[in-house]
């Protein structure tokens, strides 16, 4: 069982389930991700359960919370196949991935050629390298696809973007070494958690306005009906004794869906807006069953 001390060092699963040296650097997210939780880690960490067995994260995204915790047993999943494949290659085929990444220069013509490629025509490693290359060089690290599932974000303007950070990739590979990584929606993965486990939900947020809609991570967006289904899942897990935490927008719908649970309000920075003047902190909620 994972136990969290007041000031824990990073946890890494080994054969002996031992803790690494406190000086061992933690893994960090390898992708830039809209709604990533790096800037909210302190808020999330202070609200962790005291003890838990397995860690589940069904909307994995950039994985900032997972990499920060380094849980001993983890089941990670996402509906974005390109992202899932990337993490599997980081875990299982890192030397090949690094070699493929190094073939991608930061050039406009090359960027749009890579973006135009059909991912299904590539090998798994080439496909994963394409995902990471586009993420590191596109506008604002945004992942957006059209209705046909085609990545359509323009190239970003950077002086010298880091496309292949070998040290960061190596730490991520080690953190993912014993994690299950599944391509699935939350409906298909939330039958597994049992009493004593911990689930962190970071779904596409309920939009706070008509223009603040960041749900196009796949060709299908996350609707209000999906938010309601997720709340039902959250409630069902709580009834089974599973410890759950969820992040979302502070909207009337979300507060109504999670009425009866502990709801804390936090201020979160927003970095995805095209205009820097619009990147102001916004109210979010952290919902817990415990």
C-alpha atoms as a PDB file:
ATOM      1  CA  UNK A   1       0.000   0.000   0.000  1.00  0.00           C
ATOM      2  CA  UNK A   2       1.273   3.462  -0.877  1.00  0.00           C
ATOM      3  CA  UNK A   3       1.618   5.730   2.152  1.00  0.00           C
ATOM      4  CA  UNK A   4       2.283   9.425   1.819  1.00  0.00           C
ATOM      5  CA  UNK A   5       4.475  11.063   4.420  1.00  0.00           C
ATOM      6  CA  UNK A   6       4.288  14.834   4.999  1.00  0.00           C
ATOM      7  CA  UNK A   7       7.344  15.410   2.782  1.00  0.00           C
ATOM      8  CA  UNK A   8       7.783  12.293   0.631  1.00  0.00           C
ATOM      9  CA  UNK A   9      10.570  11.702  -1.822  1.00  0.00           C
ATOM     10  CA  UNK A  10       9.626  10.538  -5.319  1.00  0.00           C
ATOM     11  CA  UNK A  11       8.343   6.975  -5.450  1.00  0.00           C
ATOM     12  CA  UNK A  12       9.646   4.631  -8.113  1.00  0.00           C
ATOM     13  CA  UNK A  13       8.601   1.010  -8.466  1.00  0.00           C
ATOM     14  CA  UNK A  14      11.457  -1.462  -8.319  1.00  0.00           C
ATOM     15  CA  UNK A  15      11.514  -5.207  -7.695  1.00  0.00           C
ATOM     16  CA  UNK A  16      11.940  -4.545  -3.983  1.00  0.00           C
ATOM     17  CA  UNK A  17       9.345  -1.710  -4.008  1.00  0.00           C
ATOM     18  CA  UNK A  18      12.054   0.515  -2.527  1.00  0.00           C
ATOM     19  CA  UNK A  19      12.240   4.280  -2.417  1.00  0.00           C
ATOM     20  CA  UNK A  20      14.971   5.940  -4.483  1.00  0.00           C
ATOM     21  CA  UNK A  21      17.464   8.392  -3.147  1.00  0.00           C
ATOM     22  CA  UNK A  22      15.865  11.775  -2.295  1.00  0.00           C
ATOM     23  CA  UNK A  23      18.389  13.361  -4.658  1.00  0.00           C
ATOM     24  CA  UNK A  24      17.067  11.329  -7.617  1.00  0.00           C
ATOM     25  CA  UNK A  25      15.342  13.812  -9.964  1.00  0.00           C
ATOM     26  CA  UNK A  26      11.630  13.291 -10.499  1.00  0.00           C
ATOM     27  CA  UNK A  27      10.169  12.571 -13.895  1.00  0.00           C
ATOM     28  CA  UNK A  28       8.308  15.465 -15.493  1.00  0.00           C
ATOM     29  CA  UNK A  29       5.783  15.727 -18.342  1.00  0.00           C
ATOM     30  CA  UNK A  30       7.316  15.148 -21.770  1.00  0.00           C
ATOM     31  CA  UNK A  31       4.519  16.881 -23.683  1.00  0.00           C
ATOM     32  CA  UNK A  32       3.014  20.332 -23.450  1.00  0.00           C
ATOM     33  CA  UNK A  33      -0.680  19.823 -22.764  1.00  0.00           C
ATOM     34  CA  UNK A  34      -3.652  22.173 -22.519  1.00  0.00           C
ATOM     35  CA  UNK A  35      -4.985  21.938 -18.989  1.00  0.00           C
ATOM     36  CA  UNK A  36      -1.787  20.333 -17.689  1.00  0.00           C
ATOM     37  CA  UNK A  37      -1.534  20.269 -13.906  1.00  0.00           C
ATOM     38  CA  UNK A  38       2.108  21.262 -13.346  1.00  0.00           C
ATOM     39  CA  UNK A  39       1.118  24.629 -11.866  1.00  0.00           C
ATOM     40  CA  UNK A  40      -1.508  23.065  -9.608  1.00  0.00           C
ATOM     41  CA  UNK A  41       0.583  20.243  -8.179  1.00  0.00           C
ATOM     42  CA  UNK A  42       0.811  21.804  -4.720  1.00  0.00           C
ATOM     43  CA  UNK A  43      -2.991  22.123  -4.541  1.00  0.00           C
ATOM     44  CA  UNK A  44      -3.475  18.522  -5.641  1.00  0.00           C
ATOM     45  CA  UNK A  45      -0.731  17.062  -3.468  1.00  0.00           C
ATOM     46  CA  UNK A  46      -2.062  18.644  -0.271  1.00  0.00           C
ATOM     47  CA  UNK A  47      -5.409  16.945  -0.959  1.00  0.00           C
ATOM     48  CA  UNK A  48      -4.127  13.415  -1.489  1.00  0.00           C
ATOM     49  CA  UNK A  49      -5.576  10.571   0.580  1.00  0.00           C
ATOM     50  CA  UNK A  50      -3.300   9.412   3.395  1.00  0.00           C
ATOM     51  CA  UNK A  51      -3.009   5.897   2.005  1.00  0.00           C
ATOM     52  CA  UNK A  52      -3.879   4.142  -1.226  1.00  0.00           C
ATOM     53  CA  UNK A  53      -3.156   0.901  -3.036  1.00  0.00           C
ATOM     54  CA  UNK A  54      -3.239   1.431  -6.794  1.00  0.00           C
ATOM     55  CA  UNK A  55      -3.261   4.730  -8.703  1.00  0.00           C
ATOM     56  CA  UNK A  56      -5.621   5.202 -11.652  1.00  0.00           C
ATOM     57  CA  UNK A  57      -5.721   8.124 -14.079  1.00  0.00           C
ATOM     58  CA  UNK A  58      -8.220   7.710 -16.945  1.00  0.00           C
ATOM     59  CA  UNK A  59      -7.634  11.122 -18.596  1.00  0.00           C
ATOM     60  CA  UNK A  60      -3.862  10.934 -18.583  1.00  0.00           C
ATOM     61  CA  UNK A  61      -2.943  13.813 -20.907  1.00  0.00           C
ATOM     62  CA  UNK A  62       0.409  15.272 -19.903  1.00  0.00           C
ATOM     63  CA  UNK A  63       0.549  13.209 -16.710  1.00  0.00           C
ATOM     64  CA  UNK A  64       1.984  15.902 -14.440  1.00  0.00           C
ATOM     65  CA  UNK A  65       0.322  14.523 -11.304  1.00  0.00           C
ATOM     66  CA  UNK A  66       1.424  10.951 -12.003  1.00  0.00           C
ATOM     67  CA  UNK A  67       5.022  11.949 -12.699  1.00  0.00           C
ATOM     68  CA  UNK A  68       5.093  14.057  -9.539  1.00  0.00           C
ATOM     69  CA  UNK A  69       3.791  11.212  -7.355  1.00  0.00           C
ATOM     70  CA  UNK A  70       5.608   8.267  -8.928  1.00  0.00           C
ATOM     71  CA  UNK A  71       3.110   5.739  -7.516  1.00  0.00           C
ATOM     72  CA  UNK A  72       4.227   2.145  -7.091  1.00  0.00           C
ATOM     73  CA  UNK A  73       1.272   0.681  -9.011  1.00  0.00           C
ATOM     74  CA  UNK A  74      -0.487   2.652 -11.737  1.00  0.00           C
ATOM     75  CA  UNK A  75      -3.088   2.127 -14.457  1.00  0.00           C
ATOM     76  CA  UNK A  76      -3.078   4.991 -16.947  1.00  0.00           C
ATOM     77  CA  UNK A  77      -5.417   5.496 -19.884  1.00  0.00           C
ATOM     78  CA  UNK A  78      -6.543   8.034 -22.459  1.00  0.00           C
ATOM     79  CA  UNK A  79      -8.836   8.147 -25.503  1.00  0.00           C
ATOM     80  CA  UNK A  80      -6.111   9.833 -27.570  1.00  0.00           C
ATOM     81  CA  UNK A  81      -4.396   6.941 -29.353  1.00  0.00           C
ATOM     82  CA  UNK A  82      -1.411   9.018 -30.537  1.00  0.00           C
ATOM     83  CA  UNK A  83      -0.671   9.998 -26.947  1.00  0.00           C
ATOM     84  CA  UNK A  84      -1.053   6.447 -25.636  1.00  0.00           C
ATOM     85  CA  UNK A  85       1.268   5.111 -28.326  1.00  0.00           C
ATOM     86  CA  UNK A  86       3.841   7.774 -27.471  1.00  0.00           C
ATOM     87  CA  UNK A  87       3.874   6.775 -23.802  1.00  0.00           C
ATOM     88  CA  UNK A  88       4.147   3.098 -24.682  1.00  0.00           C
ATOM     89  CA  UNK A  89       7.145   3.820 -26.895  1.00  0.00           C
ATOM     90  CA  UNK A  90       8.748   5.961 -24.188  1.00  0.00           C
ATOM     91  CA  UNK A  91       8.278   3.064 -21.776  1.00  0.00           C
ATOM     92  CA  UNK A  92       9.254   0.174 -24.046  1.00  0.00           C
ATOM     93  CA  UNK A  93      11.259   1.472 -27.026  1.00  0.00           C
ATOM     94  CA  UNK A  94      13.039   4.612 -25.891  1.00  0.00           C
ATOM     95  CA  UNK A  95      16.348   4.201 -27.801  1.00  0.00           C
ATOM     96  CA  UNK A  96      14.449   3.770 -31.076  1.00  0.00           C
ATOM     97  CA  UNK A  97      12.234   6.758 -30.291  1.00  0.00           C
ATOM     98  CA  UNK A  98      15.189   9.007 -29.523  1.00  0.00           C
ATOM     99  CA  UNK A  99      16.857   7.979 -32.779  1.00  0.00           C
ATOM    100  CA  UNK A 100      13.690   8.791 -34.732  1.00  0.00           C
ATOM    101  CA  UNK A 101      13.240  12.152 -32.983  1.00  0.00           C
ATOM    102  CA  UNK A 102      16.733  13.258 -33.885  1.00  0.00           C
ATOM    103  CA  UNK A 103      15.818  13.046 -37.561  1.00  0.00           C
ATOM    104  CA  UNK A 104      13.281  15.886 -37.181  1.00  0.00           C
ATOM    105  CA  UNK A 105      14.642  19.437 -37.631  1.00  0.00           C
ATOM    106  CA  UNK A 106      12.794  22.583 -36.593  1.00  0.00           C
ATOM    107  CA  UNK A 107      11.963  23.858 -40.071  1.00  0.00           C
ATOM    108  CA  UNK A 108       8.690  25.174 -41.452  1.00  0.00           C
ATOM    109  CA  UNK A 109       8.613  23.003 -44.561  1.00  0.00           C
ATOM    110  CA  UNK A 110       9.472  19.914 -42.535  1.00  0.00           C
ATOM    111  CA  UNK A 111       6.842  20.704 -39.896  1.00  0.00           C
ATOM    112  CA  UNK A 112       3.980  20.897 -42.384  1.00  0.00           C
ATOM    113  CA  UNK A 113       5.211  17.814 -44.220  1.00  0.00           C
ATOM    114  CA  UNK A 114       5.239  15.842 -40.960  1.00  0.00           C
ATOM    115  CA  UNK A 115       1.825  17.216 -40.025  1.00  0.00           C
ATOM    116  CA  UNK A 116       0.407  16.083 -43.372  1.00  0.00           C
ATOM    117  CA  UNK A 117       1.559  12.485 -42.922  1.00  0.00           C
ATOM    118  CA  UNK A 118      -1.068   9.833 -42.281  1.00  0.00           C
ATOM    119  CA  UNK A 119      -0.100   8.420 -38.850  1.00  0.00           C
ATOM    120  CA  UNK A 120      -1.393   4.986 -39.821  1.00  0.00           C
ATOM    121  CA  UNK A 121       1.159   4.819 -42.637  1.00  0.00           C
ATOM    122  CA  UNK A 122       4.052   5.032 -40.151  1.00  0.00           C
ATOM    123  CA  UNK A 123       5.682   2.466 -37.892  1.00  0.00           C
ATOM    124  CA  UNK A 124       4.787   2.730 -34.207  1.00  0.00           C
ATOM    125  CA  UNK A 125       8.072   4.425 -33.313  1.00  0.00           C
ATOM    126  CA  UNK A 126       7.867   6.860 -36.244  1.00  0.00           C
ATOM    127  CA  UNK A 127       4.277   7.626 -35.321  1.00  0.00           C
ATOM    128  CA  UNK A 128       5.234   8.330 -31.709  1.00  0.00           C
ATOM    129  CA  UNK A 129       8.128  10.517 -32.849  1.00  0.00           C
ATOM    130  CA  UNK A 130       5.743  12.463 -35.082  1.00  0.00           C
ATOM    131  CA  UNK A 131       3.426  13.105 -32.127  1.00  0.00           C
ATOM    132  CA  UNK A 132       6.203  14.395 -29.900  1.00  0.00           C
ATOM    133  CA  UNK A 133       7.819  16.461 -32.669  1.00  0.00           C
ATOM    134  CA  UNK A 134       4.538  18.207 -33.498  1.00  0.00           C
ATOM    135  CA  UNK A 135       3.806  18.786 -29.816  1.00  0.00           C
ATOM    136  CA  UNK A 136       7.185  20.394 -29.201  1.00  0.00           C
ATOM    137  CA  UNK A 137       7.032  22.646 -32.265  1.00  0.00           C
ATOM    138  CA  UNK A 138       3.359  23.514 -32.817  1.00  0.00           C
ATOM    139  CA  UNK A 139       1.635  26.672 -31.594  1.00  0.00           C
ATOM    140  CA  UNK A 140       1.520  26.762 -27.791  1.00  0.00           C
ATOM    141  CA  UNK A 141       1.780  22.980 -27.493  1.00  0.00           C
ATOM    142  CA  UNK A 142      -1.909  22.752 -28.400  1.00  0.00           C
ATOM    143  CA  UNK A 143      -3.314  19.379 -29.412  1.00  0.00           C
ATOM    144  CA  UNK A 144      -6.337  19.856 -31.671  1.00  0.00           C
ATOM    145  CA  UNK A 145      -7.838  17.721 -34.394  1.00  0.00           C
ATOM    146  CA  UNK A 146     -10.604  18.311 -36.925  1.00  0.00           C
ATOM    147  CA  UNK A 147     -13.707  16.170 -37.397  1.00  0.00           C
ATOM    148  CA  UNK A 148     -11.697  13.712 -39.479  1.00  0.00           C
ATOM    149  CA  UNK A 149      -9.229  13.287 -36.645  1.00  0.00           C
ATOM    150  CA  UNK A 150      -6.432  15.165 -38.444  1.00  0.00           C
ATOM    151  CA  UNK A 151      -4.023  17.263 -36.393  1.00  0.00           C
ATOM    152  CA  UNK A 152      -4.423  20.845 -37.623  1.00  0.00           C
ATOM    153  CA  UNK A 153      -2.440  23.129 -35.301  1.00  0.00           C
ATOM    154  CA  UNK A 154      -0.093  25.591 -37.086  1.00  0.00           C
ATOM    155  CA  UNK A 155       3.621  25.734 -36.429  1.00  0.00           C
ATOM    156  CA  UNK A 156       4.705  27.743 -33.405  1.00  0.00           C
ATOM    157  CA  UNK A 157       7.289  30.505 -33.321  1.00  0.00           C
ATOM    158  CA  UNK A 158      10.239  29.456 -31.212  1.00  0.00           C
ATOM    159  CA  UNK A 159      13.891  30.438 -31.325  1.00  0.00           C
ATOM    160  CA  UNK A 160      15.286  27.012 -30.497  1.00  0.00           C
ATOM    161  CA  UNK A 161      12.723  24.475 -29.246  1.00  0.00           C
ATOM    162  CA  UNK A 162      13.958  21.337 -27.484  1.00  0.00           C
ATOM    163  CA  UNK A 163      12.597  18.461 -29.550  1.00  0.00           C
ATOM    164  CA  UNK A 164      14.499  15.599 -27.973  1.00  0.00           C
ATOM    165  CA  UNK A 165      15.337  15.974 -24.274  1.00  0.00           C
ATOM    166  CA  UNK A 166      16.998  12.603 -23.676  1.00  0.00           C
ATOM    167  CA  UNK A 167      17.357  13.028 -19.908  1.00  0.00           C
ATOM    168  CA  UNK A 168      13.688  13.932 -19.459  1.00  0.00           C
ATOM    169  CA  UNK A 169      12.589  11.061 -21.698  1.00  0.00           C
ATOM    170  CA  UNK A 170      14.748   8.621 -19.754  1.00  0.00           C
ATOM    171  CA  UNK A 171      13.234   9.666 -16.414  1.00  0.00           C
ATOM    172  CA  UNK A 172       9.739   9.386 -17.882  1.00  0.00           C
ATOM    173  CA  UNK A 173      10.563   5.922 -19.220  1.00  0.00           C
ATOM    174  CA  UNK A 174      11.653   4.799 -15.769  1.00  0.00           C
ATOM    175  CA  UNK A 175       8.519   6.233 -14.149  1.00  0.00           C
ATOM    176  CA  UNK A 176       6.305   4.440 -16.694  1.00  0.00           C
ATOM    177  CA  UNK A 177       8.205   1.148 -16.547  1.00  0.00           C
ATOM    178  CA  UNK A 178       5.678  -0.666 -14.349  1.00  0.00           C
ATOM    179  CA  UNK A 179       2.555   1.271 -15.364  1.00  0.00           C
ATOM    180  CA  UNK A 180      -0.272  -0.159 -17.433  1.00  0.00           C
ATOM    181  CA  UNK A 181      -1.007   2.181 -20.348  1.00  0.00           C
ATOM    182  CA  UNK A 182      -4.342   1.633 -22.059  1.00  0.00           C
ATOM    183  CA  UNK A 183      -6.129   3.219 -25.004  1.00  0.00           C
ATOM    184  CA  UNK A 184      -9.655   3.487 -23.620  1.00  0.00           C
ATOM    185  CA  UNK A 185     -12.331   5.818 -22.342  1.00  0.00           C
ATOM    186  CA  UNK A 186     -13.124   6.140 -18.660  1.00  0.00           C
ATOM    187  CA  UNK A 187     -16.192   3.893 -19.047  1.00  0.00           C
ATOM    188  CA  UNK A 188     -13.956   0.965 -19.947  1.00  0.00           C
ATOM    189  CA  UNK A 189     -11.342   1.395 -17.235  1.00  0.00           C
ATOM    190  CA  UNK A 190     -13.294   2.303 -14.112  1.00  0.00           C
ATOM    191  CA  UNK A 191     -14.530  -1.206 -13.403  1.00  0.00           C
ATOM    192  CA  UNK A 192     -11.067  -2.152 -12.129  1.00  0.00           C
ATOM    193  CA  UNK A 193     -10.580   0.159  -9.101  1.00  0.00           C
ATOM    194  CA  UNK A 194     -11.545  -1.340  -5.756  1.00  0.00           C
ATOM    195  CA  UNK A 195     -11.723  -0.220  -2.143  1.00  0.00           C
ATOM    196  CA  UNK A 196      -8.488   1.443  -1.076  1.00  0.00           C
ATOM    197  CA  UNK A 197      -7.453   2.484  -4.583  1.00  0.00           C
ATOM    198  CA  UNK A 198      -7.111   6.123  -5.695  1.00  0.00           C
ATOM    199  CA  UNK A 199      -8.461   7.590  -8.944  1.00  0.00           C
ATOM    200  CA  UNK A 200      -7.601  11.052 -10.237  1.00  0.00           C
ATOM    201  CA  UNK A 201      -9.912  12.453 -12.915  1.00  0.00           C
ATOM    202  CA  UNK A 202      -8.769  15.353 -15.077  1.00  0.00           C
ATOM    203  CA  UNK A 203     -11.359  15.337 -17.891  1.00  0.00           C
ATOM    204  CA  UNK A 204     -11.814  17.925 -20.626  1.00  0.00           C
ATOM    205  CA  UNK A 205     -13.226  20.832 -18.653  1.00  0.00           C
ATOM    206  CA  UNK A 206     -16.772  22.105 -18.844  1.00  0.00           C
ATOM    207  CA  UNK A 207     -16.378  25.332 -20.904  1.00  0.00           C
ATOM    208  CA  UNK A 208     -16.857  28.513 -18.894  1.00  0.00           C
ATOM    209  CA  UNK A 209     -17.809  30.427 -22.064  1.00  0.00           C
ATOM    210  CA  UNK A 210     -18.632  29.753 -25.710  1.00  0.00           C
ATOM    211  CA  UNK A 211     -15.036  30.537 -26.730  1.00  0.00           C
ATOM    212  CA  UNK A 212     -13.300  28.687 -23.888  1.00  0.00           C
ATOM    213  CA  UNK A 213     -13.775  25.201 -25.294  1.00  0.00           C
ATOM    214  CA  UNK A 214     -10.707  22.964 -25.044  1.00  0.00           C
ATOM    215  CA  UNK A 215     -12.335  19.585 -25.656  1.00  0.00           C
ATOM    216  CA  UNK A 216     -11.073  18.717 -29.160  1.00  0.00           C
ATOM    217  CA  UNK A 217      -8.309  16.312 -28.149  1.00  0.00           C
ATOM    218  CA  UNK A 218      -9.976  13.692 -30.353  1.00  0.00           C
ATOM    219  CA  UNK A 219     -12.464  13.935 -33.222  1.00  0.00           C
ATOM    220  CA  UNK A 220     -15.278  13.679 -30.651  1.00  0.00           C
ATOM    221  CA  UNK A 221     -15.650  16.409 -28.024  1.00  0.00           C
ATOM    222  CA  UNK A 222     -16.600  15.925 -24.367  1.00  0.00           C
ATOM    223  CA  UNK A 223     -20.232  16.964 -24.007  1.00  0.00           C
ATOM    224  CA  UNK A 224     -22.449  17.816 -21.035  1.00  0.00           C
ATOM    225  CA  UNK A 225     -23.854  14.293 -21.262  1.00  0.00           C
ATOM    226  CA  UNK A 226     -20.296  12.972 -20.940  1.00  0.00           C
ATOM    227  CA  UNK A 227     -19.794  15.171 -17.875  1.00  0.00           C
ATOM    228  CA  UNK A 228     -22.957  13.680 -16.361  1.00  0.00           C
ATOM    229  CA  UNK A 229     -21.824  10.105 -17.118  1.00  0.00           C
ATOM    230  CA  UNK A 230     -18.482  10.855 -15.500  1.00  0.00           C
ATOM    231  CA  UNK A 231     -20.207  12.187 -12.387  1.00  0.00           C
ATOM    232  CA  UNK A 232     -22.257   8.981 -12.201  1.00  0.00           C
ATOM    233  CA  UNK A 233     -19.030   6.967 -12.460  1.00  0.00           C
ATOM    234  CA  UNK A 234     -17.449   9.106  -9.744  1.00  0.00           C
ATOM    235  CA  UNK A 235     -20.426   8.484  -7.465  1.00  0.00           C
ATOM    236  CA  UNK A 236     -20.403   4.760  -8.172  1.00  0.00           C
ATOM    237  CA  UNK A 237     -16.713   4.504  -7.307  1.00  0.00           C
ATOM    238  CA  UNK A 238     -17.311   6.355  -4.047  1.00  0.00           C
ATOM    239  CA  UNK A 239     -20.003   3.841  -3.127  1.00  0.00           C
ATOM    240  CA  UNK A 240     -17.445   1.055  -3.683  1.00  0.00           C
ATOM    241  CA  UNK A 241     -14.969   2.671  -1.299  1.00  0.00           C
ATOM    242  CA  UNK A 242     -12.633   3.983  -4.004  1.00  0.00           C
ATOM    243  CA  UNK A 243     -10.950   7.276  -3.146  1.00  0.00           C
ATOM    244  CA  UNK A 244     -11.493   9.774  -5.969  1.00  0.00           C
ATOM    245  CA  UNK A 245     -10.313  13.265  -6.794  1.00  0.00           C
ATOM    246  CA  UNK A 246     -11.493  15.305  -9.786  1.00  0.00           C
ATOM    247  CA  UNK A 247     -10.503  18.620 -11.332  1.00  0.00           C
ATOM    248  CA  UNK A 248     -12.889  20.703 -13.435  1.00  0.00           C
ATOM    249  CA  UNK A 249     -14.161  24.190 -14.142  1.00  0.00           C
ATOM    250  CA  UNK A 250     -16.070  26.018 -11.446  1.00  0.00           C
ATOM    251  CA  UNK A 251     -19.440  26.129 -13.202  1.00  0.00           C
ATOM    252  CA  UNK A 252     -23.030  25.673 -12.001  1.00  0.00           C
ATOM    253  CA  UNK A 253     -23.276  22.383 -13.926  1.00  0.00           C
ATOM    254  CA  UNK A 254     -20.184  20.869 -12.296  1.00  0.00           C
ATOM    255  CA  UNK A 255     -21.247  21.964  -8.819  1.00  0.00           C
ATOM    256  CA  UNK A 256     -24.676  20.432  -9.371  1.00  0.00           C
ATOM    257  CA  UNK A 257     -23.259  17.161 -10.717  1.00  0.00           C
ATOM    258  CA  UNK A 258     -20.972  16.731  -7.684  1.00  0.00           C
ATOM    259  CA  UNK A 259     -23.339  17.999  -5.016  1.00  0.00           C
ATOM    260  CA  UNK A 260     -22.732  16.172  -1.745  1.00  0.00           C
ATOM    261  CA  UNK A 261     -18.990  15.690  -2.239  1.00  0.00           C
ATOM    262  CA  UNK A 262     -16.225  17.866  -0.832  1.00  0.00           C
ATOM    263  CA  UNK A 263     -15.642  20.708  -3.321  1.00  0.00           C
ATOM    264  CA  UNK A 264     -12.690  23.090  -2.938  1.00  0.00           C
ATOM    265  CA  UNK A 265     -12.156  26.167  -5.091  1.00  0.00           C
ATOM    266  CA  UNK A 266      -8.684  26.980  -6.425  1.00  0.00           C
ATOM    267  CA  UNK A 267      -7.296  29.613  -8.774  1.00  0.00           C
ATOM    268  CA  UNK A 268      -5.515  28.124 -11.788  1.00  0.00           C
ATOM    269  CA  UNK A 269      -3.406  29.881 -14.426  1.00  0.00           C
ATOM    270  CA  UNK A 270      -4.573  29.576 -18.015  1.00  0.00           C
ATOM    271  CA  UNK A 271      -1.805  29.630 -20.627  1.00  0.00           C
ATOM    272  CA  UNK A 272      -3.621  28.449 -23.749  1.00  0.00           C
ATOM    273  CA  UNK A 273      -5.192  31.705 -24.953  1.00  0.00           C
ATOM    274  CA  UNK A 274      -3.775  33.212 -28.137  1.00  0.00           C
ATOM    275  CA  UNK A 275      -3.677  36.635 -26.472  1.00  0.00           C
ATOM    276  CA  UNK A 276      -1.348  36.927 -23.505  1.00  0.00           C
ATOM    277  CA  UNK A 277      -3.680  39.494 -21.919  1.00  0.00           C
ATOM    278  CA  UNK A 278      -6.379  36.812 -21.669  1.00  0.00           C
ATOM    279  CA  UNK A 279      -4.168  34.314 -19.820  1.00  0.00           C
ATOM    280  CA  UNK A 280      -5.489  35.164 -16.383  1.00  0.00           C
ATOM    281  CA  UNK A 281      -6.140  32.835 -13.458  1.00  0.00           C
ATOM    282  CA  UNK A 282      -9.561  31.214 -13.466  1.00  0.00           C
ATOM    283  CA  UNK A 283     -11.588  29.476 -10.781  1.00  0.00           C
ATOM    284  CA  UNK A 284     -11.491  25.695 -10.783  1.00  0.00           C
ATOM    285  CA  UNK A 285     -12.822  23.078  -8.415  1.00  0.00           C
ATOM    286  CA  UNK A 286     -11.183  20.028  -6.868  1.00  0.00           C
ATOM    287  CA  UNK A 287     -13.805  17.464  -5.914  1.00  0.00           C
ATOM    288  CA  UNK A 288     -13.090  14.608  -3.475  1.00  0.00           C
ATOM    289  CA  UNK A 289     -14.913  11.597  -2.104  1.00  0.00           C
ATOM    290  CA  UNK A 290     -12.890  11.588   1.122  1.00  0.00           C
END
